[in-house]
Amino acid sequence: MPPIFKALASITVWVLFLVGWDMLFGAYFRIFGVTSLGPISTSEWPSATLCFTGAIACFILSVCAMKLRKMLE
């Protein structure tokens, strides 16, 4: 395989990994209300759940993309 595919796979892995961490921190801020001084509202739970689920999905896809990249070698 040409090296460009390995480079694109590596970039994809890092992007998915960083997006996963970003979403995980977003879920943390929504759940624990770090950005607000008031109590946690129940309207934040659906968005926090979606953020957390998206983070887990990004981490799983990142691992899958790394496995595919290793197969290209």
C-alpha atoms as a PDB file:
ATOM      1  CA  MET A   1       0.000   0.000   0.000  1.00  0.00           C
ATOM      2  CA  PRO A   2       1.188   3.530  -0.649  1.00  0.00           C
ATOM      3  CA  PRO A   3       2.370   5.416   2.430  1.00  0.00           C
ATOM      4  CA  ILE A   4      -0.368   8.029   1.993  1.00  0.00           C
ATOM      5  CA  PHE A   5      -2.951   5.513   3.232  1.00  0.00           C
ATOM      6  CA  LYS A   6      -0.941   4.884   6.380  1.00  0.00           C
ATOM      7  CA  ALA A   7      -0.665   8.619   6.968  1.00  0.00           C
ATOM      8  CA  LEU A   8      -4.389   9.160   6.448  1.00  0.00           C
ATOM      9  CA  ALA A   9      -5.195   6.268   8.780  1.00  0.00           C
ATOM     10  CA  SER A  10      -2.912   7.740  11.463  1.00  0.00           C
ATOM     11  CA  ILE A  11      -4.534  11.149  11.109  1.00  0.00           C
ATOM     12  CA  THR A  12      -7.975   9.561  11.386  1.00  0.00           C
ATOM     13  CA  VAL A  13      -6.974   7.702  14.540  1.00  0.00           C
ATOM     14  CA  TRP A  14      -5.675  10.853  16.213  1.00  0.00           C
ATOM     15  CA  VAL A  15      -8.699  12.910  15.212  1.00  0.00           C
ATOM     16  CA  LEU A  16     -11.102  10.281  16.572  1.00  0.00           C
ATOM     17  CA  PHE A  17      -9.071  10.001  19.770  1.00  0.00           C
ATOM     18  CA  LEU A  18      -9.035  13.765  20.372  1.00  0.00           C
ATOM     19  CA  VAL A  19     -12.724  14.151  19.533  1.00  0.00           C
ATOM     20  CA  GLY A  20     -13.473  11.327  21.969  1.00  0.00           C
ATOM     21  CA  TRP A  21     -11.627  13.122  24.789  1.00  0.00           C
ATOM     22  CA  ASP A  22     -13.351  16.386  23.915  1.00  0.00           C
ATOM     23  CA  MET A  23     -16.765  14.749  24.087  1.00  0.00           C
ATOM     24  CA  LEU A  24     -15.862  13.001  27.342  1.00  0.00           C
ATOM     25  CA  PHE A  25     -14.922  16.318  28.950  1.00  0.00           C
ATOM     26  CA  GLY A  26     -18.125  17.850  27.566  1.00  0.00           C
ATOM     27  CA  ALA A  27     -20.171  15.108  29.202  1.00  0.00           C
ATOM     28  CA  TYR A  28     -18.296  15.651  32.474  1.00  0.00           C
ATOM     29  CA  PHE A  29     -19.023  19.375  32.419  1.00  0.00           C
ATOM     30  CA  ARG A  30     -22.691  18.749  31.674  1.00  0.00           C
ATOM     31  CA  ILE A  31     -23.136  16.088  34.354  1.00  0.00           C
ATOM     32  CA  PHE A  32     -21.304  17.772  37.194  1.00  0.00           C
ATOM     33  CA  GLY A  33     -22.229  21.336  36.258  1.00  0.00           C
ATOM     34  CA  VAL A  34     -18.664  22.593  36.425  1.00  0.00           C
ATOM     35  CA  THR A  35     -19.436  25.566  34.225  1.00  0.00           C
ATOM     36  CA  SER A  36     -22.481  26.735  36.207  1.00  0.00           C
ATOM     37  CA  LEU A  37     -22.916  27.667  39.837  1.00  0.00           C
ATOM     38  CA  GLY A  38     -26.456  26.352  40.154  1.00  0.00           C
ATOM     39  CA  PRO A  39     -27.656  22.806  40.789  1.00  0.00           C
ATOM     40  CA  ILE A  40     -27.633  20.184  38.042  1.00  0.00           C
ATOM     41  CA  SER A  41     -30.786  20.463  35.984  1.00  0.00           C
ATOM     42  CA  THR A  42     -32.513  17.409  34.587  1.00  0.00           C
ATOM     43  CA  SER A  43     -32.475  18.961  31.116  1.00  0.00           C
ATOM     44  CA  GLU A  44     -28.703  18.392  30.930  1.00  0.00           C
ATOM     45  CA  TRP A  45     -28.861  14.601  31.320  1.00  0.00           C
ATOM     46  CA  PRO A  46     -29.932  13.706  27.748  1.00  0.00           C
ATOM     47  CA  SER A  47     -27.201  15.836  26.201  1.00  0.00           C
ATOM     48  CA  ALA A  48     -24.632  14.485  28.662  1.00  0.00           C
ATOM     49  CA  THR A  49     -25.675  10.923  27.859  1.00  0.00           C
ATOM     50  CA  LEU A  50     -25.336  11.581  24.137  1.00  0.00           C
ATOM     51  CA  CYS A  51     -21.925  13.178  24.680  1.00  0.00           C
ATOM     52  CA  PHE A  52     -20.716  10.236  26.737  1.00  0.00           C
ATOM     53  CA  THR A  53     -22.047   7.716  24.199  1.00  0.00           C
ATOM     54  CA  GLY A  54     -20.382   9.628  21.368  1.00  0.00           C
ATOM     55  CA  ALA A  55     -17.088   9.653  23.266  1.00  0.00           C
ATOM     56  CA  ILE A  56     -17.189   5.895  23.776  1.00  0.00           C
ATOM     57  CA  ALA A  57     -18.043   5.414  20.090  1.00  0.00           C
ATOM     58  CA  CYS A  58     -15.102   7.624  19.058  1.00  0.00           C
ATOM     59  CA  PHE A  59     -12.719   5.635  21.253  1.00  0.00           C
ATOM     60  CA  ILE A  60     -13.950   2.334  19.796  1.00  0.00           C
ATOM     61  CA  LEU A  61     -13.672   3.650  16.236  1.00  0.00           C
ATOM     62  CA  SER A  62     -10.196   4.938  17.018  1.00  0.00           C
ATOM     63  CA  VAL A  63      -9.099   1.452  18.097  1.00  0.00           C
ATOM     64  CA  CYS A  64     -10.671  -0.077  14.989  1.00  0.00           C
ATOM     65  CA  ALA A  65      -8.915   2.439  12.755  1.00  0.00           C
ATOM     66  CA  MET A  66      -5.590   1.675  14.446  1.00  0.00           C
ATOM     67  CA  LYS A  67      -6.125  -2.040  13.865  1.00  0.00           C
ATOM     68  CA  LEU A  68      -6.803  -1.319  10.184  1.00  0.00           C
ATOM     69  CA  ARG A  69      -3.681   0.824  10.002  1.00  0.00           C
ATOM     70  CA  LYS A  70      -1.604  -2.001  11.465  1.00  0.00           C
ATOM     71  CA  MET A  71      -3.046  -4.313   8.809  1.00  0.00           C
ATOM     72  CA  LEU A  72      -1.741  -1.944   6.103  1.00  0.00           C
ATOM     73  CA  GLU A  73       1.853  -2.567   7.195  1.00  0.00           C
END
